[in-house]
C-alpha atoms as a PDB file:
ATOM      1  CA  MET A   1      -9.197  10.068  14.323  1.00  0.00           C
ATOM      2  CA  THR A   2     -10.282  11.070  10.808  1.00  0.00           C
ATOM      3  CA  GLU A   3      -8.911  14.016   8.914  1.00  0.00           C
ATOM      4  CA  VAL A   4     -10.928  15.172   5.925  1.00  0.00           C
ATOM      5  CA  ASP A   5      -9.270  17.577   3.527  1.00  0.00           C
ATOM      6  CA  ASP A   6     -11.106  19.136   0.593  1.00  0.00           C
ATOM      7  CA  GLN A   7      -7.920  20.259  -1.098  1.00  0.00           C
ATOM      8  CA  GLN A   8      -6.950  18.561  -4.325  1.00  0.00           C
ATOM      9  CA  PHE A   9      -4.306  15.947  -3.734  1.00  0.00           C
ATOM     10  CA  PRO A  10      -2.782  13.480  -6.190  1.00  0.00           C
ATOM     11  CA  ALA A  11      -4.508  10.130  -6.535  1.00  0.00           C
ATOM     12  CA  GLN A  12      -3.087   7.126  -4.741  1.00  0.00           C
ATOM     13  CA  GLY A  13      -0.521   4.984  -6.468  1.00  0.00           C
ATOM     14  CA  SER A  14       1.445   7.953  -7.846  1.00  0.00           C
ATOM     15  CA  GLU A  15       4.396   8.458  -5.535  1.00  0.00           C
ATOM     16  CA  GLN A  16       6.021  11.165  -7.665  1.00  0.00           C
ATOM     17  CA  PHE A  17       3.189  13.658  -7.151  1.00  0.00           C
ATOM     18  CA  PHE A  18       4.101  16.745  -5.099  1.00  0.00           C
ATOM     19  CA  SER A  19       7.593  15.440  -4.420  1.00  0.00           C
ATOM     20  CA  ASP A  20      10.631  17.684  -4.055  1.00  0.00           C
ATOM     21  CA  GLU A  21      12.029  16.254  -7.294  1.00  0.00           C
ATOM     22  CA  SER A  22       8.882  17.036  -9.293  1.00  0.00           C
ATOM     23  CA  ARG A  23       8.789  20.579  -7.844  1.00  0.00           C
ATOM     24  CA  LYS A  24      12.380  21.217  -8.911  1.00  0.00           C
ATOM     25  CA  ALA A  25      11.677  19.734 -12.339  1.00  0.00           C
ATOM     26  CA  LEU A  26       8.680  22.004 -12.873  1.00  0.00           C
ATOM     27  CA  ALA A  27      10.619  25.079 -11.745  1.00  0.00           C
ATOM     28  CA  GLU A  28      13.398  24.273 -14.215  1.00  0.00           C
ATOM     29  CA  ALA A  29      10.948  23.516 -17.028  1.00  0.00           C
ATOM     30  CA  SER A  30       9.163  26.820 -16.392  1.00  0.00           C
ATOM     31  CA  ARG A  31      12.460  28.727 -16.457  1.00  0.00           C
ATOM     32  CA  LEU A  32      13.509  27.174 -19.752  1.00  0.00           C
ATOM     33  CA  LEU A  33      10.084  27.755 -21.284  1.00  0.00           C
ATOM     34  CA  ALA A  34      10.036  31.417 -20.236  1.00  0.00           C
ATOM     35  CA  GLU A  35      13.483  32.002 -21.716  1.00  0.00           C
ATOM     36  CA  ARG A  36      12.603  30.195 -24.946  1.00  0.00           C
ATOM     37  CA  LEU A  37       9.287  32.034 -25.262  1.00  0.00           C
ATOM     38  CA  GLN A  38      10.991  35.401 -24.911  1.00  0.00           C
ATOM     39  CA  ALA A  39      13.653  34.473 -27.455  1.00  0.00           C
ATOM     40  CA  HIS A  40      10.985  33.082 -29.781  1.00  0.00           C
ATOM     41  CA  THR A  41       8.966  36.284 -29.572  1.00  0.00           C
ATOM     42  CA  GLU A  42      12.004  38.453 -30.281  1.00  0.00           C
ATOM     43  CA  ALA A  43      12.891  36.290 -33.276  1.00  0.00           C
ATOM     44  CA  LEU A  44       9.371  36.556 -34.676  1.00  0.00           C
ATOM     45  CA  LEU A  45       9.281  40.326 -34.230  1.00  0.00           C
ATOM     46  CA  ALA A  46      12.587  40.638 -36.077  1.00  0.00           C
ATOM     47  CA  MET A  47      11.381  38.685 -39.090  1.00  0.00           C
ATOM     48  CA  THR A  48      10.538  40.526 -42.306  1.00  0.00           C
ATOM     49  CA  GLY A  49       9.012  37.671 -44.271  1.00  0.00           C
ATOM     50  CA  ASP A  50      12.117  37.113 -46.401  1.00  0.00           C
ATOM     51  CA  GLU A  51      13.435  34.306 -44.219  1.00  0.00           C
ATOM     52  CA  GLU A  52      13.372  30.675 -45.221  1.00  0.00           C
ATOM     53  CA  GLN A  53      10.388  28.729 -43.913  1.00  0.00           C
ATOM     54  CA  SER A  54      12.813  26.295 -42.281  1.00  0.00           C
ATOM     55  CA  VAL A  55      14.001  29.061 -39.937  1.00  0.00           C
ATOM     56  CA  LEU A  56      10.468  29.607 -38.625  1.00  0.00           C
ATOM     57  CA  ASP A  57       9.860  25.875 -38.400  1.00  0.00           C
ATOM     58  CA  GLU A  58      12.997  25.471 -36.303  1.00  0.00           C
ATOM     59  CA  HIS A  59      11.917  28.201 -33.873  1.00  0.00           C
ATOM     60  CA  ASN A  60       8.458  26.674 -33.584  1.00  0.00           C
ATOM     61  CA  ALA A  61       9.843  23.182 -32.994  1.00  0.00           C
ATOM     62  CA  GLN A  62      12.117  24.403 -30.199  1.00  0.00           C
ATOM     63  CA  LEU A  63       9.223  26.108 -28.458  1.00  0.00           C
ATOM     64  CA  GLU A  64       6.905  23.124 -28.931  1.00  0.00           C
ATOM     65  CA  GLU A  65       9.450  20.800 -27.349  1.00  0.00           C
ATOM     66  CA  LEU A  66       9.754  22.994 -24.257  1.00  0.00           C
ATOM     67  CA  VAL A  67       5.972  23.349 -23.967  1.00  0.00           C
ATOM     68  CA  GLU A  68       5.619  19.567 -24.030  1.00  0.00           C
ATOM     69  CA  GLY A  69       8.334  19.256 -21.392  1.00  0.00           C
ATOM     70  CA  TRP A  70       6.592  21.831 -19.196  1.00  0.00           C
ATOM     71  CA  ASN A  71       3.287  20.003 -19.634  1.00  0.00           C
ATOM     72  CA  ASP A  72       4.938  16.757 -18.564  1.00  0.00           C
ATOM     73  CA  ALA A  73       6.513  18.453 -15.540  1.00  0.00           C
ATOM     74  CA  VAL A  74       3.132  19.762 -14.409  1.00  0.00           C
ATOM     75  CA  PHE A  75       1.679  16.280 -14.703  1.00  0.00           C
ATOM     76  CA  GLU A  76       4.554  14.749 -12.717  1.00  0.00           C
ATOM     77  CA  LEU A  77       3.871  17.248  -9.925  1.00  0.00           C
ATOM     78  CA  THR A  78       0.069  17.397  -9.852  1.00  0.00           C
ATOM     79  CA  GLY A  79      -1.233  14.486 -11.899  1.00  0.00           C
ATOM     80  CA  THR A  80      -3.057  16.907 -14.216  1.00  0.00           C
ATOM     81  CA  THR A  81      -2.385  18.050 -17.779  1.00  0.00           C
ATOM     82  CA  PRO A  82      -3.001  21.808 -18.174  1.00  0.00           C
ATOM     83  CA  LEU A  83      -2.436  22.123 -21.937  1.00  0.00           C
ATOM     84  CA  LEU A  84      -4.072  19.980 -24.600  1.00  0.00           C
ATOM     85  CA  LEU A  85      -1.467  19.549 -27.292  1.00  0.00           C
ATOM     86  CA  ASP A  86      -3.188  17.053 -29.584  1.00  0.00           C
ATOM     87  CA  GLU A  87      -2.855  18.098 -33.196  1.00  0.00           C
ATOM     88  CA  ASP A  88      -6.059  16.409 -34.314  1.00  0.00           C
ATOM     89  CA  VAL A  89      -8.912  18.902 -34.359  1.00  0.00           C
ATOM     90  CA  GLU A  90     -12.353  17.417 -33.961  1.00  0.00           C
ATOM     91  CA  GLU A  91     -14.993  18.633 -36.345  1.00  0.00           C
ATOM     92  CA  ILE A  92     -17.828  20.508 -34.717  1.00  0.00           C
ATOM     93  CA  ASP A  93     -21.278  19.326 -35.713  1.00  0.00           C
ATOM     94  CA  ASP A  94     -24.774  20.385 -34.821  1.00  0.00           C
ATOM     95  CA  GLU A  95     -25.556  17.191 -32.960  1.00  0.00           C
ATOM     96  CA  GLU A  96     -26.014  17.469 -29.238  1.00  0.00           C
ATOM     97  CA  PRO A  97     -23.014  16.113 -27.309  1.00  0.00           C
ATOM     98  CA  GLU A  98     -23.384  12.642 -25.896  1.00  0.00           C
ATOM     99  CA  GLU A  99     -24.164  12.789 -22.205  1.00  0.00           C
ATOM    100  CA  GLN A 100     -21.323  11.379 -20.141  1.00  0.00           C
ATOM    101  CA  ASP A 101     -21.877   9.214 -17.114  1.00  0.00           C
ATOM    102  CA  HIS A 102     -21.300  10.825 -13.749  1.00  0.00           C
ATOM    103  CA  LEU A 103     -18.511   8.617 -12.429  1.00  0.00           C
ATOM    104  CA  ILE A 104     -16.615   8.682  -9.136  1.00  0.00           C
ATOM    105  CA  SER A 105     -13.671   6.424  -8.356  1.00  0.00           C
ATOM    106  CA  VAL A 106     -13.010   5.668  -4.683  1.00  0.00           C
ATOM    107  CA  VAL A 107      -9.518   4.335  -4.014  1.00  0.00           C
ATOM    108  CA  SER A 108      -8.280   3.316  -0.583  1.00  0.00           C
ATOM    109  CA  ARG A 109      -5.402   1.622   1.196  1.00  0.00           C
ATOM    110  CA  PHE A 110      -5.163   0.418   4.794  1.00  0.00           C
ATOM    111  CA  ASP A 111      -2.060  -0.935   6.532  1.00  0.00           C
ATOM    112  CA  LEU A 112      -2.917  -3.311   9.385  1.00  0.00           C
ATOM    113  CA  LYS A 113      -0.861  -4.773  12.222  1.00  0.00           C
ATOM    114  CA  VAL A 114      -1.874  -8.181  13.621  1.00  0.00           C
ATOM    115  CA  VAL A 115      -1.561  -8.155  17.407  1.00  0.00           C
ATOM    116  CA  ASP A 116      -3.676 -11.219  18.265  1.00  0.00           C
ATOM    117  CA  LEU A 117      -3.621 -13.806  15.480  1.00  0.00           C
ATOM    118  CA  GLU A 118      -5.808 -16.352  17.283  1.00  0.00           C
ATOM    119  CA  ALA A 119      -8.595 -13.843  17.857  1.00  0.00           C
ATOM    120  CA  LEU A 120      -8.444 -12.787  14.233  1.00  0.00           C
ATOM    121  CA  LEU A 121      -8.517 -16.377  12.934  1.00  0.00           C
ATOM    122  CA  GLU A 122     -11.477 -17.244  15.130  1.00  0.00           C
ATOM    123  CA  ALA A 123     -13.419 -14.233  13.862  1.00  0.00           C
ATOM    124  CA  GLY A 124     -12.532 -15.154  10.282  1.00  0.00           C
ATOM    125  CA  ARG A 125     -13.730 -18.752  10.704  1.00  0.00           C
ATOM    126  CA  THR A 126     -16.970 -17.589  12.273  1.00  0.00           C
ATOM    127  CA  ALA A 127     -17.550 -15.149   9.403  1.00  0.00           C
ATOM    128  CA  GLN A 128     -16.911 -17.912   6.882  1.00  0.00           C
ATOM    129  CA  GLU A 129     -19.475 -20.141   8.575  1.00  0.00           C
ATOM    130  CA  ARG A 130     -22.094 -17.414   8.346  1.00  0.00           C
ATOM    131  CA  HIS A 131     -21.259 -16.458   4.758  1.00  0.00           C
ATOM    132  CA  PRO A 132     -19.674 -19.452   3.041  1.00  0.00           C
ATOM    133  CA  VAL A 133     -17.965 -18.873  -0.276  1.00  0.00           C
ATOM    134  CA  GLU A 134     -18.221 -21.196  -3.250  1.00  0.00           C
ATOM    135  CA  LEU A 135     -16.496 -24.500  -2.641  1.00  0.00           C
ATOM    136  CA  ASP A 136     -13.384 -25.430  -4.605  1.00  0.00           C
ATOM    137  CA  GLU A 137     -13.144 -28.470  -6.856  1.00  0.00           C
ATOM    138  CA  SER A 138     -12.546 -30.764  -3.890  1.00  0.00           C
ATOM    139  CA  GLY A 139     -15.735 -29.584  -2.217  1.00  0.00           C
ATOM    140  CA  ASP A 140     -13.847 -27.897   0.622  1.00  0.00           C
ATOM    141  CA  ARG A 141     -13.657 -24.313   1.724  1.00  0.00           C
ATOM    142  CA  ASP A 142     -10.370 -22.465   1.879  1.00  0.00           C
ATOM    143  CA  PRO A 143      -8.998 -22.986   5.396  1.00  0.00           C
ATOM    144  CA  VAL A 144      -8.875 -19.881   7.547  1.00  0.00           C
ATOM    145  CA  ASP A 145      -5.354 -20.339   8.876  1.00  0.00           C
ATOM    146  CA  THR A 146      -3.730 -17.032   7.896  1.00  0.00           C
ATOM    147  CA  ALA A 147      -4.393 -13.447   8.859  1.00  0.00           C
ATOM    148  CA  GLU A 148      -5.007 -12.547   5.221  1.00  0.00           C
ATOM    149  CA  GLN A 149      -7.669 -15.230   4.783  1.00  0.00           C
ATOM    150  CA  ALA A 150      -9.361 -14.222   8.030  1.00  0.00           C
ATOM    151  CA  ILE A 151      -9.506 -10.546   7.033  1.00  0.00           C
ATOM    152  CA  TYR A 152     -10.844 -11.574   3.624  1.00  0.00           C
ATOM    153  CA  GLU A 153     -13.664 -13.620   5.180  1.00  0.00           C
ATOM    154  CA  ILE A 154     -14.610 -10.857   7.628  1.00  0.00           C
ATOM    155  CA  SER A 155     -14.581  -8.198   4.892  1.00  0.00           C
ATOM    156  CA  ARG A 156     -16.860 -10.346   2.720  1.00  0.00           C
ATOM    157  CA  GLU A 157     -19.412 -10.291   5.521  1.00  0.00           C
ATOM    158  CA  THR A 158     -19.164  -6.752   6.877  1.00  0.00           C
ATOM    159  CA  GLY A 159     -17.452  -4.708   4.162  1.00  0.00           C
ATOM    160  CA  GLU A 160     -14.518  -2.481   5.125  1.00  0.00           C
ATOM    161  CA  ALA A 161     -14.124  -3.469   8.753  1.00  0.00           C
ATOM    162  CA  TRP A 162     -10.629  -2.039   9.140  1.00  0.00           C
ATOM    163  CA  PHE A 163     -11.434  -0.257  12.406  1.00  0.00           C
ATOM    164  CA  GLU A 164     -13.108  -3.227  14.106  1.00  0.00           C
ATOM    165  CA  LEU A 165     -11.039  -6.283  13.140  1.00  0.00           C
ATOM    166  CA  PRO A 166     -10.418  -8.495  16.185  1.00  0.00           C
ATOM    167  CA  GLY A 167      -6.751  -8.734  17.068  1.00  0.00           C
ATOM    168  CA  VAL A 168      -5.736  -6.070  14.544  1.00  0.00           C
ATOM    169  CA  ASP A 169      -4.518  -2.485  14.941  1.00  0.00           C
ATOM    170  CA  LEU A 170      -4.890   0.034  12.136  1.00  0.00           C
ATOM    171  CA  VAL A 171      -1.426   1.420  11.364  1.00  0.00           C
ATOM    172  CA  ALA A 172      -2.516   3.875   8.695  1.00  0.00           C
ATOM    173  CA  GLY A 173      -5.220   4.335   6.114  1.00  0.00           C
ATOM    174  CA  ALA A 174      -6.063   6.647   3.249  1.00  0.00           C
ATOM    175  CA  ARG A 175      -8.949   7.082   0.849  1.00  0.00           C
ATOM    176  CA  ALA A 176      -9.346   9.377  -2.151  1.00  0.00           C
ATOM    177  CA  TYR A 177     -12.491  10.295  -4.080  1.00  0.00           C
ATOM    178  CA  VAL A 178     -11.645  10.964  -7.717  1.00  0.00           C
ATOM    179  CA  VAL A 179     -13.795  12.350 -10.520  1.00  0.00           C
ATOM    180  CA  PRO A 180     -12.139  10.775 -13.586  1.00  0.00           C
ATOM    181  CA  GLU A 181     -11.183  12.809 -16.614  1.00  0.00           C
ATOM    182  CA  TYR A 182     -12.408  11.610 -20.004  1.00  0.00           C
ATOM    183  CA  PRO A 183     -11.521   9.553 -21.896  1.00  0.00           C
ATOM    184  CA  PHE A 184     -12.069   7.291 -18.909  1.00  0.00           C
ATOM    185  CA  GLU A 185     -10.468   3.863 -18.698  1.00  0.00           C
ATOM    186  CA  PRO A 186     -12.929   1.750 -16.696  1.00  0.00           C
ATOM    187  CA  LEU A 187     -11.811  -0.693 -14.041  1.00  0.00           C
ATOM    188  CA  GLU A 188     -11.341  -4.211 -15.391  1.00  0.00           C
ATOM    189  CA  ALA A 189     -12.480  -6.397 -12.530  1.00  0.00           C
ATOM    190  CA  ASP A 190     -11.173  -9.571 -14.167  1.00  0.00           C
ATOM    191  CA  ALA A 191      -7.761  -8.167 -15.117  1.00  0.00           C
ATOM    192  CA  ASP A 192      -4.660 -10.210 -14.333  1.00  0.00           C
ATOM    193  CA  ASP A 193      -2.810  -7.261 -12.779  1.00  0.00           C
ATOM    194  CA  VAL A 194      -5.141  -6.298  -9.941  1.00  0.00           C
ATOM    195  CA  ILE A 195      -2.648  -3.877  -8.343  1.00  0.00           C
ATOM    196  CA  THR A 196      -2.537  -1.747 -11.482  1.00  0.00           C
ATOM    197  CA  GLU A 197      -6.308  -1.755 -11.829  1.00  0.00           C
ATOM    198  CA  ILE A 198      -6.978  -0.465  -8.298  1.00  0.00           C
ATOM    199  CA  SER A 199      -4.797   2.623  -8.722  1.00  0.00           C
ATOM    200  CA  ALA A 200      -6.734   5.864  -9.118  1.00  0.00           C
ATOM    201  CA  PRO A 201      -7.501   7.104 -12.640  1.00  0.00           C
ATOM    202  CA  ASN A 202      -6.329  10.461 -13.881  1.00  0.00           C
ATOM    203  CA  GLY A 203      -8.804  13.064 -12.672  1.00  0.00           C
ATOM    204  CA  VAL A 204      -9.693  15.520  -9.926  1.00  0.00           C
ATOM    205  CA  VAL A 205      -9.458  14.443  -6.295  1.00  0.00           C
ATOM    206  CA  THR A 206     -12.471  16.060  -4.630  1.00  0.00           C
ATOM    207  CA  HIS A 207     -11.952  14.707  -1.112  1.00  0.00           C
ATOM    208  CA  ALA A 208      -9.253  12.837   0.763  1.00  0.00           C
ATOM    209  CA  GLU A 209      -9.311  11.048   4.124  1.00  0.00           C
ATOM    210  CA  THR A 210      -6.459   9.705   6.203  1.00  0.00           C
ATOM    211  CA  TRP A 211      -6.311   7.683   9.398  1.00  0.00           C
ATOM    212  CA  ALA A 212      -3.402   6.992  11.725  1.00  0.00           C
END
């Protein structure tokens, strides 16, 4: 059964999103910011202009620190950054803005349970025969003697065959469709740390699917 939800959920690979801890942290950060903002406003209204500049700088620094903490707390909960706090201001010119590519990142994970290893291995060997990979230095193909190798060979032939793998039950699956936020860090297909690369980029999750 497939459940499709159009609500915005955090991208995969970020376990802290929408956790109880991140909710409590945001509530506390919001409380501190509200108190500091009120105190900051009262201090500003009481000023006459005769105060030392350092007094104003101190008030501003205290507020800035709490705003940054609140911004971080929002990100830890939702994976988004509501306030842009960069000090560098870009100069506005008359040139037309560079058109950005329309990118979508699709990130998925499927947990599988092998219930019939022999059936899975046989299907993997058959798939390898139909779609042989490049031979290694010895001139041999990788032997299909593990569940992982069999699933790899089948997926090379048919794509994401998670629901139809012989001898395998789908325990759970999830997929998220993310519109990345710029600046966008593209996927490095030849990176050493593949696990890090397949995590979803920071952006807006437009759709989410789960299977169980």
